[in-house]
Amino acid sequence: MITEAAFWSPQIAEIGQIVEDAQEVNQTIGIILQTPRGTDPHRPTFGSTLHNYLDYPIDRAKPHLIRETVRALREWEPRITVEKVTIMLASFEPQQVRIQVQWKLVGDTTFRTAEVLV
């Protein structure tokens, strides 16, 4: 399969499919935020420590989750600038947190949004 996209990678859980451009960056954001730091043996600092704060009361967890989201994405996704992080309880899964990341590509002015459940 040949693609003209600036960024692309295989789509997770979809054999033979690819994601391109903004969808690929959104997928990468999800991978970074959902991977507990220290679980990738070849990159021990890859991922985030979001899971450390999931048992905190939401009002105490929010600042930690925002800080860790920004830190992990700055370290592992240099193609983007994080503009805003919003933390919400997932309405359909009360034990999960929904993280909404507003981002833009470095050097671009178009804002995009990724949503990740942790």
Protein backbone atom coordinates (compact mmCIF):
# COMPACT_ATOMS: atom_id res chain seq x y z
CA MET A 1 0.00 0.00 0.00
CA ILE A 2 1.45 3.38 -1.00
CA THR A 3 0.40 6.56 0.75
CA GLU A 4 1.01 10.25 0.07
CA ALA A 5 0.40 11.28 3.69
CA ALA A 6 3.05 13.16 5.67
CA PHE A 7 2.54 10.80 8.62
CA TRP A 8 1.11 7.29 8.64
CA SER A 9 1.26 4.05 10.60
CA PRO A 10 -0.69 0.80 10.87
CA GLN A 11 -4.07 1.24 12.52
CA ILE A 12 -4.30 -0.46 15.90
CA ALA A 13 -6.73 -3.41 15.99
CA GLU A 14 -7.46 -3.16 12.25
CA ILE A 15 -5.31 -5.60 10.29
CA GLY A 16 -4.22 -4.16 6.95
CA GLN A 17 -5.52 -0.65 7.66
CA ILE A 18 -3.50 2.53 8.13
CA VAL A 19 -4.10 5.88 9.76
CA GLU A 20 -2.76 9.05 8.19
CA ASP A 21 -1.85 12.61 9.19
CA ALA A 22 -4.04 13.90 12.09
CA GLN A 23 -5.53 10.44 12.73
CA GLU A 24 -2.03 9.01 13.02
CA VAL A 25 -0.99 11.69 15.51
CA ASN A 26 -4.20 11.09 17.53
CA GLN A 27 -3.41 7.37 17.60
CA THR A 28 0.14 8.10 18.79
CA ILE A 29 -1.20 10.39 21.54
CA GLY A 30 -3.40 7.54 22.73
CA ILE A 31 -0.51 5.08 22.72
CA ILE A 32 1.69 7.44 24.75
CA LEU A 33 -0.97 8.25 27.34
CA GLN A 34 -2.29 4.69 27.74
CA THR A 35 1.13 3.08 28.10
CA PRO A 36 2.28 2.98 31.73
CA ARG A 37 5.81 4.35 31.98
CA GLY A 38 8.31 1.52 32.49
CA THR A 39 6.34 -1.18 30.66
CA ASP A 40 8.18 -0.94 27.31
CA PRO A 41 11.41 -2.90 27.86
CA HIS A 42 13.22 -1.21 24.96
CA ARG A 43 12.16 2.29 26.01
CA PRO A 44 11.80 2.26 29.80
CA THR A 45 10.87 5.96 29.99
CA PHE A 46 8.22 5.69 27.24
CA GLY A 47 4.61 6.36 28.19
CA SER A 48 3.04 8.21 31.08
CA THR A 49 2.35 7.87 34.79
CA LEU A 50 -1.36 8.72 34.43
CA HIS A 51 -2.29 5.39 35.99
CA ASN A 52 -0.71 6.52 39.29
CA TYR A 53 -3.50 9.07 39.80
CA LEU A 54 -6.60 7.14 38.78
CA ASP A 55 -7.56 6.22 42.36
CA TYR A 56 -7.34 9.82 43.56
CA PRO A 57 -10.53 11.86 44.03
CA ILE A 58 -11.12 13.60 40.68
CA ASP A 59 -10.58 17.11 42.07
CA ARG A 60 -7.15 16.05 43.41
CA ALA A 61 -6.28 13.99 40.34
CA LYS A 62 -6.99 16.65 37.68
CA PRO A 63 -3.85 18.79 38.13
CA HIS A 64 -1.65 15.67 38.18
CA LEU A 65 -3.33 14.24 35.09
CA ILE A 66 -2.97 17.51 33.19
CA ARG A 67 0.68 17.90 34.17
CA GLU A 68 1.53 14.30 33.28
CA THR A 69 -0.33 14.49 29.96
CA VAL A 70 1.63 17.58 28.91
CA ARG A 71 4.94 16.12 30.15
CA ALA A 72 4.52 12.79 28.35
CA LEU A 73 3.44 14.40 25.08
CA ARG A 74 6.27 16.95 25.13
CA GLU A 75 8.75 14.14 25.62
CA TRP A 76 7.37 11.57 23.19
CA GLU A 77 5.47 13.50 20.48
CA PRO A 78 7.73 16.31 19.23
CA ARG A 79 5.53 16.92 16.16
CA ILE A 80 2.85 18.67 18.23
CA THR A 81 2.25 21.53 20.62
CA VAL A 82 -0.28 20.83 23.36
CA GLU A 83 -2.69 23.76 23.64
CA LYS A 84 -5.20 22.53 26.23
CA VAL A 85 -5.90 19.43 28.32
CA THR A 86 -9.37 18.75 29.71
CA ILE A 87 -10.08 15.98 32.23
CA MET A 88 -13.58 14.47 32.56
CA LEU A 89 -15.10 11.37 34.07
CA ALA A 90 -16.23 9.00 31.35
CA SER A 91 -20.04 9.03 31.48
CA PHE A 92 -20.40 5.44 30.27
CA GLU A 93 -17.50 4.03 32.35
CA PRO A 94 -17.39 5.80 35.72
CA GLN A 95 -14.13 4.11 36.68
CA GLN A 96 -12.37 5.66 33.68
CA VAL A 97 -11.17 9.17 32.97
CA ARG A 98 -11.52 10.84 29.57
CA ILE A 99 -8.62 13.08 28.64
CA GLN A 100 -9.22 15.54 25.82
CA VAL A 101 -6.05 17.00 24.31
CA GLN A 102 -6.27 20.03 22.04
CA TRP A 103 -3.12 20.12 19.92
CA LYS A 104 -1.61 21.50 16.73
CA LEU A 105 1.32 20.47 14.60
CA VAL A 106 4.48 22.44 15.22
CA GLY A 107 4.49 25.34 12.76
CA ASP A 108 0.78 24.93 11.96
CA THR A 109 -2.21 26.97 13.16
CA THR A 110 -4.91 24.31 12.86
CA PHE A 111 -6.17 23.01 16.20
CA ARG A 112 -7.12 19.35 16.50
CA THR A 113 -8.48 17.25 19.34
CA ALA A 114 -7.62 13.78 20.59
CA GLU A 115 -9.65 11.93 23.23
CA VAL A 116 -8.14 9.15 25.29
CA LEU A 117 -9.72 6.91 27.93
CA VAL A 118 -7.47 5.87 30.79
